[in-house]
Amino acid sequence: MIFAFQFQSPGPIIFEIGPIVVRWYGLLIATAVLLGVTLSQYLAKYRRVDPELLGDLAIWLVIAAIPCARIYYVLFQWQEYASRPEDIIAIWKGGIAIHGAIIGGTISTIIFARIKRISFWQLLDLVAPSLILGQAIGRWGNFFNSEAFGKPTDLPWKLFIAPRYRPLDLINYEYFHPTFLYESLWNLGIFVLLLGLFFWGLKRTTRLKTGTIAAVYLIGYSLGRVWIEWLRTDSLMLGSLKIAQVVSFSAIAFGLLILVWLYWFNKSLPDVVSVKHQQNMTSNRP
């Protein structure tokens, strides 16, 4: 069958020399950050924003997003970490939540925008394509760590999970949905959509309003996450609710509200500095 293939992780470690251990998860995160910064700086030129600002923002985002992603995950898995607190900071073993990263990154971006006197929504529009690309890359870290997989499946495409990584109630199953692949491909599709929308919006007759790219990111990514969470076996829970789905539905509603505000009511989004003011500052530079 054309679409028949089986995945099996080679393990989380690329190589180790003495005390030095190089893991796939760390390499993928570093790659995502490098590509993301390069892309954001490239897009910034088209919005008449100093590319160096995006490089500075990337440092803020890494400092804020990764710890927040870990804290978010640990909080909703506290029963697991309470018995082994030494693993709370062991981020190299996996266990970060993208929604925690988004929360931390958003807070740091607001502060950065205030300090630099630049539009917060402008920054989000420039960062959103890089963020979704990074998410597409980062999902392969779940593959190497044998985590975040889906329910058992006998479909031609499937993921083999070693017994030590399987939930106890699914210990007798060998093959599971490769949800890391589903989400990675979905995110790549949203990445293409955002880039296409960005460059289409550069046309004078179809210029997009500031905040549109960010809104489409929220809606597009969250739609895929809602679907994929139905397949996951290790979702973070709040009672009987899957946290990722609750947050995703909220993000979809917020993204739609942004678009209605921009295009139905024809108003600009509240911001730390107006885009018009920012453009005037840019045009007055020597």
C-alpha atoms as a PDB file:
ATOM      1  CA  MET A   1       0.000   0.000   0.000  1.00  0.00           C
ATOM      2  CA  ILE A   2       1.365   3.442  -0.957  1.00  0.00           C
ATOM      3  CA  PHE A   3       0.675   5.078   2.409  1.00  0.00           C
ATOM      4  CA  ALA A   4       1.810   2.167   4.561  1.00  0.00           C
ATOM      5  CA  PHE A   5       4.705   3.023   6.833  1.00  0.00           C
ATOM      6  CA  GLN A   6       5.774   2.375  10.403  1.00  0.00           C
ATOM      7  CA  PHE A   7       7.636   4.713  12.742  1.00  0.00           C
ATOM      8  CA  GLN A   8       9.894   3.644  15.572  1.00  0.00           C
ATOM      9  CA  SER A   9      12.002   6.021  17.622  1.00  0.00           C
ATOM     10  CA  PRO A  10      15.762   5.349  17.631  1.00  0.00           C
ATOM     11  CA  GLY A  11      15.853   6.869  21.125  1.00  0.00           C
ATOM     12  CA  PRO A  12      16.163  10.370  22.583  1.00  0.00           C
ATOM     13  CA  ILE A  13      19.975  10.588  22.498  1.00  0.00           C
ATOM     14  CA  ILE A  14      22.011  11.422  19.394  1.00  0.00           C
ATOM     15  CA  PHE A  15      25.366  10.651  21.000  1.00  0.00           C
ATOM     16  CA  GLU A  16      27.165  10.928  24.311  1.00  0.00           C
ATOM     17  CA  ILE A  17      30.831  11.412  25.095  1.00  0.00           C
ATOM     18  CA  GLY A  18      31.577  10.989  28.779  1.00  0.00           C
ATOM     19  CA  PRO A  19      29.342  13.429  30.661  1.00  0.00           C
ATOM     20  CA  ILE A  20      28.324  15.208  27.441  1.00  0.00           C
ATOM     21  CA  VAL A  21      24.935  14.074  26.163  1.00  0.00           C
ATOM     22  CA  VAL A  22      23.400  15.501  22.977  1.00  0.00           C
ATOM     23  CA  ARG A  23      19.661  14.881  22.727  1.00  0.00           C
ATOM     24  CA  TRP A  24      17.325  15.178  19.781  1.00  0.00           C
ATOM     25  CA  TYR A  25      14.919  17.346  21.764  1.00  0.00           C
ATOM     26  CA  GLY A  26      17.558  20.001  22.445  1.00  0.00           C
ATOM     27  CA  LEU A  27      18.836  19.950  18.878  1.00  0.00           C
ATOM     28  CA  LEU A  28      15.318  20.390  17.486  1.00  0.00           C
ATOM     29  CA  ILE A  29      14.559  23.309  19.809  1.00  0.00           C
ATOM     30  CA  ALA A  30      17.839  25.003  18.879  1.00  0.00           C
ATOM     31  CA  THR A  31      17.116  24.470  15.173  1.00  0.00           C
ATOM     32  CA  ALA A  32      13.601  25.882  15.545  1.00  0.00           C
ATOM     33  CA  VAL A  33      14.915  28.984  17.319  1.00  0.00           C
ATOM     34  CA  LEU A  34      17.624  29.608  14.709  1.00  0.00           C
ATOM     35  CA  LEU A  35      15.250  29.225  11.762  1.00  0.00           C
ATOM     36  CA  GLY A  36      12.580  31.253  13.523  1.00  0.00           C
ATOM     37  CA  VAL A  37      14.855  34.215  14.189  1.00  0.00           C
ATOM     38  CA  THR A  38      16.132  34.193  10.610  1.00  0.00           C
ATOM     39  CA  LEU A  39      12.616  34.073   9.178  1.00  0.00           C
ATOM     40  CA  SER A  40      11.232  36.780  11.482  1.00  0.00           C
ATOM     41  CA  GLN A  41      14.100  39.109  10.628  1.00  0.00           C
ATOM     42  CA  TYR A  42      13.497  38.489   6.927  1.00  0.00           C
ATOM     43  CA  LEU A  43       9.777  39.275   7.244  1.00  0.00           C
ATOM     44  CA  ALA A  44      10.500  42.359   9.357  1.00  0.00           C
ATOM     45  CA  LYS A  45      12.084  44.093   6.371  1.00  0.00           C
ATOM     46  CA  TYR A  46       8.772  43.924   4.508  1.00  0.00           C
ATOM     47  CA  ARG A  47       6.951  45.595   7.412  1.00  0.00           C
ATOM     48  CA  ARG A  48       9.633  48.292   7.755  1.00  0.00           C
ATOM     49  CA  VAL A  49      10.650  47.017  11.188  1.00  0.00           C
ATOM     50  CA  ASP A  50      14.295  46.892  12.266  1.00  0.00           C
ATOM     51  CA  PRO A  51      15.337  43.211  11.923  1.00  0.00           C
ATOM     52  CA  GLU A  52      17.666  43.605  14.907  1.00  0.00           C
ATOM     53  CA  LEU A  53      14.608  44.081  17.102  1.00  0.00           C
ATOM     54  CA  LEU A  54      13.453  40.579  16.193  1.00  0.00           C
ATOM     55  CA  GLY A  55      16.839  39.189  17.158  1.00  0.00           C
ATOM     56  CA  ASP A  56      16.580  40.917  20.527  1.00  0.00           C
ATOM     57  CA  LEU A  57      12.999  39.709  20.971  1.00  0.00           C
ATOM     58  CA  ALA A  58      14.085  36.111  20.302  1.00  0.00           C
ATOM     59  CA  ILE A  59      16.311  36.226  23.399  1.00  0.00           C
ATOM     60  CA  TRP A  60      13.377  37.433  25.480  1.00  0.00           C
ATOM     61  CA  LEU A  61      11.141  34.719  24.066  1.00  0.00           C
ATOM     62  CA  VAL A  62      13.581  31.899  24.774  1.00  0.00           C
ATOM     63  CA  ILE A  63      14.181  33.127  28.325  1.00  0.00           C
ATOM     64  CA  ALA A  64      10.436  33.381  29.016  1.00  0.00           C
ATOM     65  CA  ALA A  65       8.823  30.712  26.840  1.00  0.00           C
ATOM     66  CA  ILE A  66      10.833  27.584  27.661  1.00  0.00           C
ATOM     67  CA  PRO A  67      10.638  27.906  31.475  1.00  0.00           C
ATOM     68  CA  CYS A  68       6.930  28.806  31.276  1.00  0.00           C
ATOM     69  CA  ALA A  69       6.294  25.811  29.016  1.00  0.00           C
ATOM     70  CA  ARG A  70       7.915  23.574  31.612  1.00  0.00           C
ATOM     71  CA  ILE A  71       6.149  25.170  34.596  1.00  0.00           C
ATOM     72  CA  TYR A  72       2.780  24.842  32.830  1.00  0.00           C
ATOM     73  CA  TYR A  73       3.404  21.149  32.155  1.00  0.00           C
ATOM     74  CA  VAL A  74       4.645  20.383  35.681  1.00  0.00           C
ATOM     75  CA  LEU A  75       1.691  22.143  37.304  1.00  0.00           C
ATOM     76  CA  PHE A  76      -0.811  19.931  35.492  1.00  0.00           C
ATOM     77  CA  GLN A  77       1.304  16.832  36.151  1.00  0.00           C
ATOM     78  CA  TRP A  78       2.104  17.678  39.748  1.00  0.00           C
ATOM     79  CA  GLN A  79       1.110  14.284  41.138  1.00  0.00           C
ATOM     80  CA  GLU A  80       3.792  12.741  38.962  1.00  0.00           C
ATOM     81  CA  TYR A  81       6.529  15.229  39.893  1.00  0.00           C
ATOM     82  CA  ALA A  82       5.696  15.551  43.581  1.00  0.00           C
ATOM     83  CA  SER A  83       7.337  12.178  44.205  1.00  0.00           C
ATOM     84  CA  ARG A  84      10.470  13.056  42.208  1.00  0.00           C
ATOM     85  CA  PRO A  85      11.021  16.833  42.428  1.00  0.00           C
ATOM     86  CA  GLU A  86      14.548  16.454  41.053  1.00  0.00           C
ATOM     87  CA  ASP A  87      12.968  15.894  37.620  1.00  0.00           C
ATOM     88  CA  ILE A  88      11.091  19.200  37.624  1.00  0.00           C
ATOM     89  CA  ILE A  89      13.961  20.956  35.839  1.00  0.00           C
ATOM     90  CA  ALA A  90      14.857  17.944  33.653  1.00  0.00           C
ATOM     91  CA  ILE A  91      13.464  19.546  30.508  1.00  0.00           C
ATOM     92  CA  TRP A  92      15.799  17.442  28.348  1.00  0.00           C
ATOM     93  CA  LYS A  93      13.637  14.423  29.202  1.00  0.00           C
ATOM     94  CA  GLY A  94      10.667  16.056  27.508  1.00  0.00           C
ATOM     95  CA  GLY A  95       7.533  17.445  29.041  1.00  0.00           C
ATOM     96  CA  ILE A  96       6.878  21.003  27.898  1.00  0.00           C
ATOM     97  CA  ALA A  97       3.531  22.492  26.924  1.00  0.00           C
ATOM     98  CA  ILE A  98       3.236  24.848  23.977  1.00  0.00           C
ATOM     99  CA  HIS A  99       0.385  26.763  25.607  1.00  0.00           C
ATOM    100  CA  GLY A 100       2.654  27.561  28.538  1.00  0.00           C
ATOM    101  CA  ALA A 101       5.288  28.766  26.082  1.00  0.00           C
ATOM    102  CA  ILE A 102       2.731  30.971  24.315  1.00  0.00           C
ATOM    103  CA  ILE A 103       1.634  32.523  27.615  1.00  0.00           C
ATOM    104  CA  GLY A 104       5.221  33.236  28.651  1.00  0.00           C
ATOM    105  CA  GLY A 105       6.123  34.482  25.187  1.00  0.00           C
ATOM    106  CA  THR A 106       3.097  36.788  25.047  1.00  0.00           C
ATOM    107  CA  ILE A 107       3.902  38.399  28.388  1.00  0.00           C
ATOM    108  CA  SER A 108       7.531  38.944  27.412  1.00  0.00           C
ATOM    109  CA  THR A 109       6.486  40.389  24.033  1.00  0.00           C
ATOM    110  CA  ILE A 110       4.159  42.906  25.704  1.00  0.00           C
ATOM    111  CA  ILE A 111       6.980  44.067  27.976  1.00  0.00           C
ATOM    112  CA  PHE A 112       9.439  44.163  25.066  1.00  0.00           C
ATOM    113  CA  ALA A 113       6.998  46.172  22.924  1.00  0.00           C
ATOM    114  CA  ARG A 114       6.497  48.720  25.704  1.00  0.00           C
ATOM    115  CA  ILE A 115      10.221  49.153  26.241  1.00  0.00           C
ATOM    116  CA  LYS A 116      11.046  49.403  22.528  1.00  0.00           C
ATOM    117  CA  ARG A 117       7.952  51.468  21.678  1.00  0.00           C
ATOM    118  CA  ILE A 118       6.847  49.157  18.914  1.00  0.00           C
ATOM    119  CA  SER A 119       3.430  47.723  18.093  1.00  0.00           C
ATOM    120  CA  PHE A 120       2.745  44.516  20.028  1.00  0.00           C
ATOM    121  CA  TRP A 121       0.474  43.178  17.260  1.00  0.00           C
ATOM    122  CA  GLN A 122       3.068  44.012  14.635  1.00  0.00           C
ATOM    123  CA  LEU A 123       5.563  41.858  16.508  1.00  0.00           C
ATOM    124  CA  LEU A 124       3.067  39.003  16.770  1.00  0.00           C
ATOM    125  CA  ASP A 125       2.407  39.129  13.033  1.00  0.00           C
ATOM    126  CA  LEU A 126       6.151  38.813  12.392  1.00  0.00           C
ATOM    127  CA  VAL A 127       6.689  36.049  14.934  1.00  0.00           C
ATOM    128  CA  ALA A 128       3.611  33.892  14.214  1.00  0.00           C
ATOM    129  CA  PRO A 129       4.968  32.177  11.050  1.00  0.00           C
ATOM    130  CA  SER A 130       8.221  31.377  12.875  1.00  0.00           C
ATOM    131  CA  LEU A 131       6.316  30.066  15.875  1.00  0.00           C
ATOM    132  CA  ILE A 132       4.200  27.623  13.895  1.00  0.00           C
ATOM    133  CA  LEU A 133       7.282  26.456  11.974  1.00  0.00           C
ATOM    134  CA  GLY A 134       9.057  25.878  15.280  1.00  0.00           C
ATOM    135  CA  GLN A 135       6.079  23.890  16.538  1.00  0.00           C
ATOM    136  CA  ALA A 136       6.194  21.713  13.424  1.00  0.00           C
ATOM    137  CA  ILE A 137       9.873  20.999  14.039  1.00  0.00           C
ATOM    138  CA  GLY A 138       9.509  20.578  17.791  1.00  0.00           C
ATOM    139  CA  ARG A 139       6.855  17.864  17.491  1.00  0.00           C
ATOM    140  CA  TRP A 140       9.544  15.506  16.229  1.00  0.00           C
ATOM    141  CA  GLY A 141      11.070  15.758  19.686  1.00  0.00           C
ATOM    142  CA  ASN A 142       7.998  13.871  20.919  1.00  0.00           C
ATOM    143  CA  PHE A 143       8.794  11.152  18.385  1.00  0.00           C
ATOM    144  CA  PHE A 144      12.358  10.683  19.621  1.00  0.00           C
ATOM    145  CA  ASN A 145      11.190  10.729  23.244  1.00  0.00           C
ATOM    146  CA  SER A 146       8.340   8.260  22.547  1.00  0.00           C
ATOM    147  CA  GLU A 147       5.780  10.610  24.078  1.00  0.00           C
ATOM    148  CA  ALA A 148       2.610  12.476  23.100  1.00  0.00           C
ATOM    149  CA  PHE A 149       1.432   9.596  20.914  1.00  0.00           C
ATOM    150  CA  GLY A 150      -2.166   8.738  20.147  1.00  0.00           C
ATOM    151  CA  LYS A 151      -4.558   5.881  20.752  1.00  0.00           C
ATOM    152  CA  PRO A 152      -3.853   2.344  19.504  1.00  0.00           C
ATOM    153  CA  THR A 153      -4.350   1.888  15.776  1.00  0.00           C
ATOM    154  CA  ASP A 154      -4.058  -0.739  13.058  1.00  0.00           C
ATOM    155  CA  LEU A 155      -3.917   1.791  10.237  1.00  0.00           C
ATOM    156  CA  PRO A 156      -1.192   1.295   7.594  1.00  0.00           C
ATOM    157  CA  TRP A 157       0.647   4.295   9.077  1.00  0.00           C
ATOM    158  CA  LYS A 158       1.440   3.753  12.720  1.00  0.00           C
ATOM    159  CA  LEU A 159       3.967   4.328  15.476  1.00  0.00           C
ATOM    160  CA  PHE A 160       5.604   1.508  17.424  1.00  0.00           C
ATOM    161  CA  ILE A 161       5.940   2.292  21.123  1.00  0.00           C
ATOM    162  CA  ALA A 162       8.203   0.181  23.327  1.00  0.00           C
ATOM    163  CA  PRO A 163       6.455  -1.356  26.383  1.00  0.00           C
ATOM    164  CA  ARG A 164       8.245   0.912  28.878  1.00  0.00           C
ATOM    165  CA  TYR A 165       6.633   3.989  27.312  1.00  0.00           C
ATOM    166  CA  ARG A 166       3.081   2.647  27.036  1.00  0.00           C
ATOM    167  CA  PRO A 167       0.299   3.549  29.476  1.00  0.00           C
ATOM    168  CA  LEU A 168      -0.407   0.630  31.786  1.00  0.00           C
ATOM    169  CA  ASP A 169      -3.945   0.191  30.453  1.00  0.00           C
ATOM    170  CA  LEU A 170      -2.555  -0.053  26.892  1.00  0.00           C
ATOM    171  CA  ILE A 171       0.474  -2.198  27.641  1.00  0.00           C
ATOM    172  CA  ASN A 172      -0.640  -4.981  25.298  1.00  0.00           C
ATOM    173  CA  TYR A 173      -0.879  -2.696  22.279  1.00  0.00           C
ATOM    174  CA  GLU A 174       2.173  -2.159  20.071  1.00  0.00           C
ATOM    175  CA  TYR A 175       1.074   0.448  17.525  1.00  0.00           C
ATOM    176  CA  PHE A 176      -0.382   3.896  18.101  1.00  0.00           C
ATOM    177  CA  HIS A 177      -1.447   6.955  16.113  1.00  0.00           C
ATOM    178  CA  PRO A 178       1.634   9.063  15.268  1.00  0.00           C
ATOM    179  CA  THR A 179       0.026  12.243  16.540  1.00  0.00           C
ATOM    180  CA  PHE A 180       3.400  13.995  16.481  1.00  0.00           C
ATOM    181  CA  LEU A 181       3.344  13.554  12.690  1.00  0.00           C
ATOM    182  CA  TYR A 182      -0.266  14.679  12.349  1.00  0.00           C
ATOM    183  CA  GLU A 183       0.421  17.884  14.245  1.00  0.00           C
ATOM    184  CA  SER A 184       3.728  18.509  12.512  1.00  0.00           C
ATOM    185  CA  LEU A 185       2.097  18.260   9.082  1.00  0.00           C
ATOM    186  CA  TRP A 186      -0.863  20.378  10.200  1.00  0.00           C
ATOM    187  CA  ASN A 187       1.490  23.063  11.511  1.00  0.00           C
ATOM    188  CA  LEU A 188       3.462  23.052   8.269  1.00  0.00           C
ATOM    189  CA  GLY A 189       0.196  23.642   6.429  1.00  0.00           C
ATOM    190  CA  ILE A 190      -0.626  26.593   8.701  1.00  0.00           C
ATOM    191  CA  PHE A 191       2.920  27.879   8.182  1.00  0.00           C
ATOM    192  CA  VAL A 192       2.410  27.923   4.412  1.00  0.00           C
ATOM    193  CA  LEU A 193      -0.972  29.623   4.909  1.00  0.00           C
ATOM    194  CA  LEU A 194       0.515  32.352   7.116  1.00  0.00           C
ATOM    195  CA  LEU A 195       3.400  33.032   4.749  1.00  0.00           C
ATOM    196  CA  GLY A 196       1.035  33.166   1.787  1.00  0.00           C
ATOM    197  CA  LEU A 197      -1.267  35.536   3.671  1.00  0.00           C
ATOM    198  CA  PHE A 198       1.671  37.709   4.715  1.00  0.00           C
ATOM    199  CA  PHE A 199       2.994  38.235   1.188  1.00  0.00           C
ATOM    200  CA  TRP A 200      -0.477  38.502  -0.343  1.00  0.00           C
ATOM    201  CA  GLY A 201      -1.174  41.236   2.188  1.00  0.00           C
ATOM    202  CA  LEU A 202       1.810  43.253   0.996  1.00  0.00           C
ATOM    203  CA  LYS A 203      -0.129  44.223  -2.100  1.00  0.00           C
ATOM    204  CA  ARG A 204      -1.340  47.768  -1.727  1.00  0.00           C
ATOM    205  CA  THR A 205      -4.916  46.933  -2.750  1.00  0.00           C
ATOM    206  CA  THR A 206      -5.184  44.019  -0.299  1.00  0.00           C
ATOM    207  CA  ARG A 207      -3.030  45.205   2.598  1.00  0.00           C
ATOM    208  CA  LEU A 208      -3.791  43.283   5.776  1.00  0.00           C
ATOM    209  CA  LYS A 209      -4.544  45.024   9.027  1.00  0.00           C
ATOM    210  CA  THR A 210      -2.052  44.619  11.830  1.00  0.00           C
ATOM    211  CA  GLY A 211      -2.994  41.615  13.974  1.00  0.00           C
ATOM    212  CA  THR A 212      -4.506  39.560  11.155  1.00  0.00           C
ATOM    213  CA  ILE A 213      -1.612  37.089  10.894  1.00  0.00           C
ATOM    214  CA  ALA A 214      -1.656  36.560  14.666  1.00  0.00           C
ATOM    215  CA  ALA A 215      -5.424  35.936  14.614  1.00  0.00           C
ATOM    216  CA  VAL A 216      -5.183  33.402  11.794  1.00  0.00           C
ATOM    217  CA  TYR A 217      -2.388  31.653  13.683  1.00  0.00           C
ATOM    218  CA  LEU A 218      -4.556  31.350  16.792  1.00  0.00           C
ATOM    219  CA  ILE A 219      -7.476  29.945  14.829  1.00  0.00           C
ATOM    220  CA  GLY A 220      -5.497  27.663  12.510  1.00  0.00           C
ATOM    221  CA  TYR A 221      -3.214  26.093  15.088  1.00  0.00           C
ATOM    222  CA  SER A 222      -5.988  25.681  17.638  1.00  0.00           C
ATOM    223  CA  LEU A 223      -8.338  23.934  15.202  1.00  0.00           C
ATOM    224  CA  GLY A 224      -5.697  21.282  14.579  1.00  0.00           C
ATOM    225  CA  ARG A 225      -4.912  20.942  18.269  1.00  0.00           C
ATOM    226  CA  VAL A 226      -8.569  20.352  19.166  1.00  0.00           C
ATOM    227  CA  TRP A 227      -8.725  17.475  16.679  1.00  0.00           C
ATOM    228  CA  ILE A 228      -5.390  15.932  17.649  1.00  0.00           C
ATOM    229  CA  GLU A 229      -6.165  16.040  21.372  1.00  0.00           C
ATOM    230  CA  TRP A 230      -9.044  13.620  20.776  1.00  0.00           C
ATOM    231  CA  LEU A 231      -6.416  11.061  19.755  1.00  0.00           C
ATOM    232  CA  ARG A 232      -3.854  11.725  22.492  1.00  0.00           C
ATOM    233  CA  THR A 233      -3.483   9.346  25.425  1.00  0.00           C
ATOM    234  CA  ASP A 234      -1.423  11.647  27.652  1.00  0.00           C
ATOM    235  CA  SER A 235      -3.283  14.950  27.575  1.00  0.00           C
ATOM    236  CA  LEU A 236      -2.944  17.324  30.494  1.00  0.00           C
ATOM    237  CA  MET A 237      -6.237  17.207  32.383  1.00  0.00           C
ATOM    238  CA  LEU A 238      -8.267  19.470  34.644  1.00  0.00           C
ATOM    239  CA  GLY A 239     -10.827  17.121  36.100  1.00  0.00           C
ATOM    240  CA  SER A 240     -12.515  15.482  33.133  1.00  0.00           C
ATOM    241  CA  LEU A 241     -11.504  18.219  30.683  1.00  0.00           C
ATOM    242  CA  LYS A 242      -8.501  18.195  28.391  1.00  0.00           C
ATOM    243  CA  ILE A 243      -6.710  21.443  29.110  1.00  0.00           C
ATOM    244  CA  ALA A 244      -5.346  21.809  25.574  1.00  0.00           C
ATOM    245  CA  GLN A 245      -8.839  21.630  24.108  1.00  0.00           C
ATOM    246  CA  VAL A 246     -10.223  24.170  26.560  1.00  0.00           C
ATOM    247  CA  VAL A 247      -7.385  26.574  25.775  1.00  0.00           C
ATOM    248  CA  SER A 248      -7.681  25.900  22.038  1.00  0.00           C
ATOM    249  CA  PHE A 249     -11.418  26.638  21.937  1.00  0.00           C
ATOM    250  CA  SER A 250     -10.718  29.869  23.832  1.00  0.00           C
ATOM    251  CA  ALA A 251      -7.945  30.776  21.354  1.00  0.00           C
ATOM    252  CA  ILE A 252     -10.250  30.133  18.390  1.00  0.00           C
ATOM    253  CA  ALA A 253     -12.904  32.406  19.900  1.00  0.00           C
ATOM    254  CA  PHE A 254     -10.300  35.099  20.597  1.00  0.00           C
ATOM    255  CA  GLY A 255      -8.884  34.856  17.061  1.00  0.00           C
ATOM    256  CA  LEU A 256     -12.358  35.218  15.558  1.00  0.00           C
ATOM    257  CA  LEU A 257     -13.051  38.185  17.829  1.00  0.00           C
ATOM    258  CA  ILE A 258      -9.869  39.869  16.562  1.00  0.00           C
ATOM    259  CA  LEU A 259     -10.922  39.417  12.934  1.00  0.00           C
ATOM    260  CA  VAL A 260     -14.436  40.719  13.628  1.00  0.00           C
ATOM    261  CA  TRP A 261     -12.971  43.726  15.418  1.00  0.00           C
ATOM    262  CA  LEU A 262     -10.567  44.472  12.566  1.00  0.00           C
ATOM    263  CA  TYR A 263     -12.803  43.858   9.567  1.00  0.00           C
ATOM    264  CA  TRP A 264     -16.423  44.042  10.738  1.00  0.00           C
ATOM    265  CA  PHE A 265     -16.066  47.018  13.060  1.00  0.00           C
ATOM    266  CA  ASN A 266     -13.090  48.336  11.071  1.00  0.00           C
ATOM    267  CA  LYS A 267     -11.139  49.277  14.197  1.00  0.00           C
ATOM    268  CA  SER A 268      -7.511  48.893  15.187  1.00  0.00           C
ATOM    269  CA  LEU A 269      -6.580  46.603  18.057  1.00  0.00           C
ATOM    270  CA  PRO A 270      -5.616  48.117  21.415  1.00  0.00           C
ATOM    271  CA  ASP A 271      -1.836  48.328  21.469  1.00  0.00           C
ATOM    272  CA  VAL A 272       1.124  49.586  23.470  1.00  0.00           C
ATOM    273  CA  VAL A 273       1.938  51.954  20.608  1.00  0.00           C
ATOM    274  CA  SER A 274      -0.041  52.685  17.462  1.00  0.00           C
ATOM    275  CA  VAL A 275       1.181  51.283  14.179  1.00  0.00           C
ATOM    276  CA  LYS A 276       0.883  54.800  12.708  1.00  0.00           C
ATOM    277  CA  HIS A 277       3.195  56.159  15.409  1.00  0.00           C
ATOM    278  CA  GLN A 278       5.640  53.332  14.756  1.00  0.00           C
ATOM    279  CA  GLN A 279       5.601  54.015  11.003  1.00  0.00           C
ATOM    280  CA  ASN A 280       6.299  57.706  11.660  1.00  0.00           C
ATOM    281  CA  MET A 281       9.280  56.766  13.830  1.00  0.00           C
ATOM    282  CA  THR A 282      10.576  54.479  11.075  1.00  0.00           C
ATOM    283  CA  SER A 283      10.167  57.093   8.336  1.00  0.00           C
ATOM    284  CA  ASN A 284      12.012  59.687  10.451  1.00  0.00           C
ATOM    285  CA  ARG A 285      15.093  57.543  10.898  1.00  0.00           C
ATOM    286  CA  PRO A 286      18.208  58.912   9.140  1.00  0.00           C
END
